[in-house]
């Protein structure tokens, strides 16, 4: 479609750019009409890359053809991108919470290590005191 002009050129160029890029492009924030239940929907494909690729290929086929199914396929592709964006945001949020929990666990482990070290020191001191007491008892 490149070089033919018209609105399809813009859509084709956009899809070509999105499909050809190796780095992640941040999608626009999800529209209010898109509910968060779509993120947790169990009918989603487990591999978002595969889902995107399938939608992208269908859209490219429609753009090459003469029918107008490209409009619905464009919406489907955009929905897949919005869903992926929501999943990434949710994952980032979960990673933040997990990081906080790991920090709390590290503090607990440090306190436990300190308590163990203190208990060992007390045990060593008691053993030393007991040894001195036994040595003094022998000299009497």
N, C-alpha and C. Protein backbone atom coordinates (compact mmCIF):
# COMPACT_ATOMS: atom_id res chain seq x y z
N UNK A 1 0.81 -1.19 0.00
CA UNK A 1 0.00 0.00 0.00
C UNK A 1 0.86 1.26 0.00
N UNK A 2 2.13 1.14 0.27
CA UNK A 2 2.98 2.32 0.32
C UNK A 2 3.02 3.00 -1.04
N UNK A 3 2.93 4.31 -0.98
CA UNK A 3 3.06 5.08 -2.20
C UNK A 3 1.79 5.25 -3.00
N UNK A 4 0.67 4.66 -2.57
CA UNK A 4 -0.56 4.80 -3.35
C UNK A 4 -1.37 6.00 -2.93
N UNK A 5 -1.11 6.55 -1.75
CA UNK A 5 -1.81 7.75 -1.29
C UNK A 5 -3.13 7.43 -0.63
N UNK A 6 -3.75 8.44 -0.08
CA UNK A 6 -5.05 8.28 0.56
C UNK A 6 -4.94 7.82 2.00
N UNK A 7 -6.10 7.64 2.66
CA UNK A 7 -6.08 7.27 4.07
C UNK A 7 -5.49 5.89 4.33
N UNK A 8 -5.58 4.98 3.35
CA UNK A 8 -5.00 3.66 3.56
C UNK A 8 -3.49 3.72 3.68
N UNK A 9 -2.89 4.70 3.01
CA UNK A 9 -1.45 4.87 3.12
C UNK A 9 -1.08 5.15 4.57
N UNK A 10 -1.82 6.01 5.21
CA UNK A 10 -1.53 6.34 6.61
C UNK A 10 -1.69 5.12 7.50
N UNK A 11 -2.78 4.38 7.32
CA UNK A 11 -3.02 3.20 8.15
C UNK A 11 -1.98 2.13 7.85
N UNK A 12 -1.70 1.91 6.57
CA UNK A 12 -0.70 0.92 6.20
C UNK A 12 0.68 1.27 6.73
N UNK A 13 1.04 2.54 6.64
CA UNK A 13 2.33 2.97 7.17
C UNK A 13 2.39 2.77 8.68
N UNK A 14 1.30 3.11 9.36
CA UNK A 14 1.26 2.94 10.81
C UNK A 14 1.43 1.48 11.17
N UNK A 15 0.67 0.61 10.51
CA UNK A 15 0.76 -0.82 10.82
C UNK A 15 2.11 -1.39 10.45
N UNK A 16 2.66 -0.91 9.35
CA UNK A 16 3.98 -1.36 8.95
C UNK A 16 5.02 -0.95 9.98
N UNK A 17 4.92 0.30 10.45
CA UNK A 17 5.85 0.78 11.47
C UNK A 17 5.71 -0.02 12.75
N UNK A 18 4.47 -0.27 13.17
CA UNK A 18 4.24 -1.02 14.40
C UNK A 18 4.74 -2.44 14.26
N UNK A 19 4.52 -3.05 13.10
CA UNK A 19 4.93 -4.43 12.89
C UNK A 19 6.42 -4.60 12.70
N UNK A 20 7.09 -3.60 12.14
CA UNK A 20 8.51 -3.71 11.83
C UNK A 20 9.42 -3.36 12.99
N UNK A 21 8.95 -2.58 13.95
CA UNK A 21 9.82 -2.11 15.02
C UNK A 21 10.19 -3.24 15.96
N UNK A 22 11.44 -3.23 16.39
CA UNK A 22 11.92 -4.23 17.34
C UNK A 22 11.69 -3.81 18.77
N UNK A 23 11.66 -2.49 19.02
CA UNK A 23 11.48 -2.01 20.39
C UNK A 23 10.01 -1.84 20.70
N UNK A 24 9.69 -1.73 21.98
CA UNK A 24 8.31 -1.62 22.43
C UNK A 24 7.84 -0.19 22.24
N UNK A 25 6.67 -0.03 21.66
CA UNK A 25 6.04 1.27 21.49
C UNK A 25 4.92 1.36 22.50
N UNK A 26 4.91 2.45 23.28
CA UNK A 26 3.87 2.59 24.29
C UNK A 26 2.57 2.98 23.61
N UNK A 27 1.54 2.18 23.86
CA UNK A 27 0.22 2.45 23.29
C UNK A 27 -0.44 3.56 24.08
N UNK A 28 -1.40 4.27 23.48
CA UNK A 28 -2.11 5.30 24.23
C UNK A 28 -2.87 4.67 25.38
N UNK A 29 -3.16 5.50 26.38
CA UNK A 29 -3.85 4.97 27.54
C UNK A 29 -5.20 4.42 27.13
N UNK A 30 -5.64 3.35 27.81
CA UNK A 30 -6.88 2.69 27.42
C UNK A 30 -8.07 3.62 27.54
N UNK A 31 -9.01 3.43 26.64
CA UNK A 31 -10.21 4.25 26.66
C UNK A 31 -11.11 3.84 27.80
N UNK A 32 -11.96 4.76 28.29
CA UNK A 32 -12.85 4.42 29.40
C UNK A 32 -13.80 3.29 29.06
N UNK A 33 -14.09 3.08 27.78
CA UNK A 33 -15.02 2.02 27.41
C UNK A 33 -14.43 0.64 27.58
N UNK A 34 -13.11 0.55 27.68
CA UNK A 34 -12.46 -0.73 27.85
C UNK A 34 -12.41 -1.06 29.33
N UNK A 35 -13.06 -2.13 29.72
CA UNK A 35 -13.13 -2.46 31.14
C UNK A 35 -11.93 -3.28 31.57
N UNK A 36 -11.64 -3.25 32.86
CA UNK A 36 -10.52 -4.02 33.38
C UNK A 36 -10.81 -5.50 33.37
N UNK A 37 -12.06 -5.88 33.19
CA UNK A 37 -12.38 -7.30 33.13
C UNK A 37 -11.81 -7.94 31.89
N UNK A 38 -11.53 -7.14 30.85
CA UNK A 38 -10.95 -7.71 29.65
C UNK A 38 -9.53 -8.20 29.91
N UNK A 39 -8.86 -7.62 30.90
CA UNK A 39 -7.52 -8.05 31.23
C UNK A 39 -7.55 -9.42 31.88
N UNK A 40 -8.53 -9.65 32.74
CA UNK A 40 -8.58 -10.91 33.47
C UNK A 40 -9.41 -11.96 32.74
N UNK A 41 -9.87 -11.67 31.55
CA UNK A 41 -10.69 -12.60 30.80
C UNK A 41 -9.87 -13.83 30.45
N UNK A 42 -10.38 -15.00 30.82
CA UNK A 42 -9.63 -16.23 30.60
C UNK A 42 -9.61 -16.64 29.14
N UNK A 43 -10.42 -16.00 28.30
CA UNK A 43 -10.44 -16.36 26.89
C UNK A 43 -9.31 -15.70 26.11
N UNK A 44 -8.50 -14.87 26.77
CA UNK A 44 -7.37 -14.22 26.09
C UNK A 44 -6.33 -15.26 25.72
N UNK A 45 -5.68 -15.05 24.59
CA UNK A 45 -4.60 -15.94 24.19
C UNK A 45 -3.46 -15.80 25.18
N UNK A 46 -2.83 -16.91 25.55
CA UNK A 46 -1.75 -16.82 26.53
C UNK A 46 -0.53 -16.08 26.02
N UNK A 47 -0.35 -16.03 24.73
CA UNK A 47 0.82 -15.36 24.17
C UNK A 47 0.37 -14.12 23.42
N UNK A 48 0.57 -12.95 24.02
CA UNK A 48 0.11 -11.70 23.41
C UNK A 48 0.84 -11.40 22.11
N UNK A 49 2.09 -11.79 22.02
CA UNK A 49 2.84 -11.55 20.78
C UNK A 49 2.18 -12.31 19.63
N UNK A 50 1.80 -13.56 19.91
CA UNK A 50 1.13 -14.37 18.89
C UNK A 50 -0.21 -13.76 18.50
N UNK A 51 -0.97 -13.31 19.49
CA UNK A 51 -2.26 -12.68 19.24
C UNK A 51 -2.09 -11.43 18.37
N UNK A 52 -1.14 -10.59 18.73
CA UNK A 52 -0.88 -9.38 17.95
C UNK A 52 -0.48 -9.74 16.53
N UNK A 53 0.41 -10.72 16.38
CA UNK A 53 0.89 -11.11 15.06
C UNK A 53 -0.25 -11.62 14.18
N UNK A 54 -1.14 -12.44 14.76
CA UNK A 54 -2.28 -12.94 13.99
C UNK A 54 -3.17 -11.78 13.51
N UNK A 55 -3.50 -10.88 14.43
CA UNK A 55 -4.34 -9.74 14.07
C UNK A 55 -3.66 -8.86 13.03
N UNK A 56 -2.37 -8.68 13.18
CA UNK A 56 -1.60 -7.85 12.25
C UNK A 56 -1.60 -8.48 10.85
N UNK A 57 -1.41 -9.79 10.78
CA UNK A 57 -1.40 -10.47 9.48
C UNK A 57 -2.77 -10.41 8.81
N UNK A 58 -3.84 -10.62 9.60
CA UNK A 58 -5.19 -10.51 9.04
C UNK A 58 -5.44 -9.11 8.50
N UNK A 59 -5.00 -8.12 9.24
CA UNK A 59 -5.19 -6.74 8.81
C UNK A 59 -4.41 -6.44 7.54
N UNK A 60 -3.19 -6.91 7.45
CA UNK A 60 -2.41 -6.69 6.23
C UNK A 60 -3.07 -7.34 5.02
N UNK A 61 -3.62 -8.56 5.21
CA UNK A 61 -4.32 -9.23 4.11
C UNK A 61 -5.54 -8.41 3.68
N UNK A 62 -6.26 -7.87 4.65
CA UNK A 62 -7.44 -7.07 4.33
C UNK A 62 -7.05 -5.78 3.61
N UNK A 63 -5.93 -5.18 4.00
CA UNK A 63 -5.48 -3.95 3.35
C UNK A 63 -5.06 -4.20 1.90
N UNK A 64 -4.52 -5.38 1.64
CA UNK A 64 -4.12 -5.72 0.27
C UNK A 64 -5.36 -5.96 -0.58
N UNK A 65 -6.40 -6.53 0.02
CA UNK A 65 -7.64 -6.83 -0.70
C UNK A 65 -8.47 -5.58 -0.94
N UNK A 66 -9.67 -5.80 -1.46
CA UNK A 66 -10.55 -4.68 -1.80
C UNK A 66 -11.73 -4.54 -0.85
N UNK A 67 -11.86 -5.44 0.10
CA UNK A 67 -13.01 -5.34 1.01
C UNK A 67 -12.73 -4.32 2.12
N UNK A 68 -13.75 -4.05 2.90
CA UNK A 68 -13.63 -3.05 3.96
C UNK A 68 -13.50 -3.68 5.34
N UNK A 69 -13.08 -4.93 5.40
CA UNK A 69 -12.93 -5.58 6.70
C UNK A 69 -11.75 -5.01 7.49
N UNK A 70 -10.93 -4.20 6.83
CA UNK A 70 -9.77 -3.64 7.52
C UNK A 70 -10.18 -2.76 8.69
N UNK A 71 -11.36 -2.14 8.61
CA UNK A 71 -11.78 -1.27 9.72
C UNK A 71 -12.01 -2.08 10.98
N UNK A 72 -12.72 -3.18 10.86
CA UNK A 72 -12.96 -4.04 12.03
C UNK A 72 -11.65 -4.66 12.51
N UNK A 73 -10.80 -5.04 11.57
CA UNK A 73 -9.52 -5.64 11.96
C UNK A 73 -8.61 -4.62 12.63
N UNK A 74 -8.69 -3.37 12.20
CA UNK A 74 -7.91 -2.31 12.86
C UNK A 74 -8.37 -2.15 14.30
N UNK A 75 -9.68 -2.15 14.49
CA UNK A 75 -10.21 -2.05 15.86
C UNK A 75 -9.78 -3.25 16.70
N UNK A 76 -9.79 -4.43 16.09
CA UNK A 76 -9.38 -5.64 16.81
C UNK A 76 -7.91 -5.54 17.22
N UNK A 77 -7.08 -5.06 16.30
CA UNK A 77 -5.66 -4.90 16.59
C UNK A 77 -5.44 -3.86 17.69
N UNK A 78 -6.18 -2.76 17.61
CA UNK A 78 -6.06 -1.72 18.65
C UNK A 78 -6.51 -2.25 20.00
N UNK A 79 -7.56 -3.07 20.00
CA UNK A 79 -8.02 -3.67 21.26
C UNK A 79 -6.95 -4.59 21.83
N UNK A 80 -6.29 -5.34 20.96
CA UNK A 80 -5.21 -6.21 21.44
C UNK A 80 -4.07 -5.39 22.03
N UNK A 81 -3.75 -4.27 21.39
CA UNK A 81 -2.70 -3.39 21.91
C UNK A 81 -3.10 -2.77 23.25
N UNK A 82 -4.36 -2.35 23.36
CA UNK A 82 -4.84 -1.78 24.63
C UNK A 82 -4.81 -2.83 25.74
N UNK A 83 -5.21 -4.05 25.41
CA UNK A 83 -5.18 -5.14 26.40
C UNK A 83 -3.75 -5.41 26.84
N UNK A 84 -2.84 -5.44 25.89
CA UNK A 84 -1.43 -5.65 26.23
C UNK A 84 -0.93 -4.52 27.12
N UNK A 85 -1.32 -3.30 26.82
CA UNK A 85 -0.92 -2.15 27.63
C UNK A 85 -1.45 -2.28 29.05
N UNK A 86 -2.72 -2.69 29.19
CA UNK A 86 -3.29 -2.87 30.52
C UNK A 86 -2.57 -3.97 31.29
N UNK A 87 -2.23 -5.05 30.59
CA UNK A 87 -1.50 -6.13 31.24
C UNK A 87 -0.12 -5.68 31.71
N UNK A 88 0.54 -4.88 30.90
CA UNK A 88 1.85 -4.36 31.29
C UNK A 88 1.72 -3.45 32.51
N UNK A 89 0.71 -2.58 32.51
CA UNK A 89 0.50 -1.69 33.65
C UNK A 89 0.17 -2.49 34.91
N UNK A 90 -0.65 -3.51 34.77
CA UNK A 90 -1.01 -4.36 35.90
C UNK A 90 0.23 -5.09 36.42
N UNK A 91 1.03 -5.59 35.49
CA UNK A 91 2.25 -6.30 35.88
C UNK A 91 3.21 -5.36 36.59
N UNK A 92 3.35 -4.13 36.09
CA UNK A 92 4.22 -3.16 36.75
C UNK A 92 3.74 -2.88 38.16
N UNK A 93 2.44 -2.76 38.33
CA UNK A 93 1.87 -2.52 39.66
C UNK A 93 2.16 -3.71 40.57
N UNK A 94 1.97 -4.91 40.05
CA UNK A 94 2.22 -6.12 40.84
C UNK A 94 3.70 -6.26 41.19
N UNK A 95 4.57 -5.88 40.26
CA UNK A 95 6.01 -5.93 40.53
C UNK A 95 6.37 -4.95 41.64
N UNK A 96 5.75 -3.78 41.63
CA UNK A 96 5.99 -2.80 42.70
C UNK A 96 5.58 -3.34 44.06
N UNK A 97 4.40 -3.96 44.12
CA UNK A 97 3.94 -4.54 45.38
C UNK A 97 4.85 -5.68 45.82
N UNK A 98 5.25 -6.51 44.87
CA UNK A 98 6.14 -7.62 45.18
C UNK A 98 7.48 -7.11 45.70
N UNK A 99 7.98 -6.05 45.10
CA UNK A 99 9.25 -5.46 45.54
C UNK A 99 9.15 -4.95 46.98
N UNK A 100 8.02 -4.33 47.31
CA UNK A 100 7.81 -3.87 48.69
C UNK A 100 7.80 -5.05 49.65
N UNK A 101 7.13 -6.13 49.28
CA UNK A 101 7.06 -7.32 50.14
C UNK A 101 8.44 -7.95 50.32
N UNK A 102 9.23 -7.96 49.25
CA UNK A 102 10.59 -8.50 49.35
C UNK A 102 11.42 -7.65 50.31
N UNK A 103 11.25 -6.34 50.24
CA UNK A 103 11.96 -5.45 51.17
C UNK A 103 11.57 -5.73 52.61
N UNK A 104 10.27 -5.95 52.86
CA UNK A 104 9.82 -6.27 54.21
C UNK A 104 10.41 -7.60 54.67
N UNK A 105 10.44 -8.59 53.77
CA UNK A 105 11.02 -9.89 54.12
C UNK A 105 12.51 -9.77 54.42
N UNK A 106 13.20 -8.93 53.68
CA UNK A 106 14.63 -8.73 53.94
C UNK A 106 14.85 -8.15 55.33
N UNK A 107 13.99 -7.23 55.75
CA UNK A 107 14.09 -6.66 57.10
C UNK A 107 13.87 -7.74 58.15
N UNK A 108 12.88 -8.60 57.93
CA UNK A 108 12.59 -9.68 58.88
C UNK A 108 13.78 -10.64 58.96
N UNK A 109 14.36 -10.96 57.82
CA UNK A 109 15.51 -11.87 57.80
C UNK A 109 16.69 -11.24 58.53
N UNK A 110 16.92 -9.94 58.35
CA UNK A 110 18.02 -9.27 59.05
C UNK A 110 17.79 -9.29 60.55
N UNK A 111 16.53 -9.06 60.98
CA UNK A 111 16.23 -9.11 62.41
C UNK A 111 16.44 -10.53 62.94
N UNK A 112 16.04 -11.52 62.15
CA UNK A 112 16.23 -12.91 62.57
C UNK A 112 17.72 -13.23 62.67
N UNK A 113 18.50 -12.78 61.71
CA UNK A 113 19.95 -13.01 61.76
C UNK A 113 20.56 -12.34 62.99
N UNK A 114 20.11 -11.13 63.31
CA UNK A 114 20.61 -10.43 64.49
C UNK A 114 20.23 -11.19 65.76
N UNK A 115 19.01 -11.70 65.81
CA UNK A 115 18.56 -12.45 66.98
C UNK A 115 19.36 -13.74 67.13
N UNK A 116 19.65 -14.40 66.03
CA UNK A 116 20.46 -15.63 66.08
C UNK A 116 21.87 -15.32 66.55
N UNK A 117 22.46 -14.24 66.04
CA UNK A 117 23.81 -13.86 66.46
C UNK A 117 23.83 -13.52 67.95
N UNK A 118 22.80 -12.82 68.43
CA UNK A 118 22.73 -12.48 69.86
C UNK A 118 22.57 -13.74 70.70
N UNK A 119 21.75 -14.68 70.25
CA UNK A 119 21.56 -15.93 70.99
C UNK A 119 22.86 -16.73 71.04
N UNK A 120 23.60 -16.75 69.94
CA UNK A 120 24.89 -17.45 69.93
C UNK A 120 25.87 -16.80 70.90
N UNK A 121 25.88 -15.48 70.94
CA UNK A 121 26.78 -14.77 71.85
C UNK A 121 26.42 -15.09 73.30
N UNK A 122 25.14 -15.10 73.61
CA UNK A 122 24.71 -15.45 74.97
C UNK A 122 25.10 -16.88 75.29
N UNK A 123 24.91 -17.78 74.35
CA UNK A 123 25.26 -19.19 74.55
C UNK A 123 26.76 -19.35 74.80
N UNK A 124 27.57 -18.65 74.02
CA UNK A 124 29.03 -18.72 74.20
C UNK A 124 29.40 -18.17 75.57
N UNK A 125 28.81 -17.04 75.96
CA UNK A 125 29.10 -16.46 77.27
C UNK A 125 28.70 -17.40 78.40
N UNK A 126 27.56 -18.05 78.27
CA UNK A 126 27.12 -19.00 79.29
C UNK A 126 28.08 -20.18 79.37
N UNK A 127 28.52 -20.67 78.21
CA UNK A 127 29.48 -21.78 78.20
C UNK A 127 30.79 -21.36 78.85
N UNK A 128 31.25 -20.14 78.57
CA UNK A 128 32.50 -19.66 79.17
C UNK A 128 32.34 -19.51 80.68
N UNK A 129 31.22 -18.93 81.12
CA UNK A 129 30.97 -18.78 82.56
C UNK A 129 30.87 -20.13 83.23
N UNK A 130 30.25 -21.08 82.60
CA UNK A 130 30.11 -22.42 83.16
C UNK A 130 31.49 -23.08 83.28
N UNK A 131 32.34 -22.86 82.28
CA UNK A 131 33.69 -23.41 82.32
C UNK A 131 34.50 -22.79 83.44
N UNK A 132 34.39 -21.50 83.68
CA UNK A 132 35.09 -20.83 84.77
C UNK A 132 34.59 -21.36 86.10
N UNK A 133 33.29 -21.56 86.22
CA UNK A 133 32.71 -22.05 87.47
C UNK A 133 33.22 -23.46 87.76
N UNK A 134 33.33 -24.30 86.73
CA UNK A 134 33.83 -25.67 86.94
C UNK A 134 35.30 -25.62 87.33
N UNK A 135 36.11 -24.76 86.68
CA UNK A 135 37.52 -24.64 87.02
C UNK A 135 37.69 -24.16 88.46
N UNK A 136 36.90 -23.20 88.92
CA UNK A 136 36.98 -22.70 90.30
C UNK A 136 36.58 -23.78 91.29
N UNK A 137 35.64 -24.62 90.93
CA UNK A 137 35.19 -25.68 91.84
C UNK A 137 36.30 -26.70 92.04
N UNK A 138 37.17 -26.92 91.06
CA UNK A 138 38.25 -27.89 91.18
C UNK A 138 39.32 -27.41 92.16
N UNK A 139 39.51 -26.11 92.28
CA UNK A 139 40.57 -25.58 93.12
C UNK A 139 40.17 -25.52 94.58
N UNK A 140 38.95 -25.71 94.95
CA UNK A 140 38.53 -25.62 96.34
C UNK A 140 38.79 -26.84 97.09
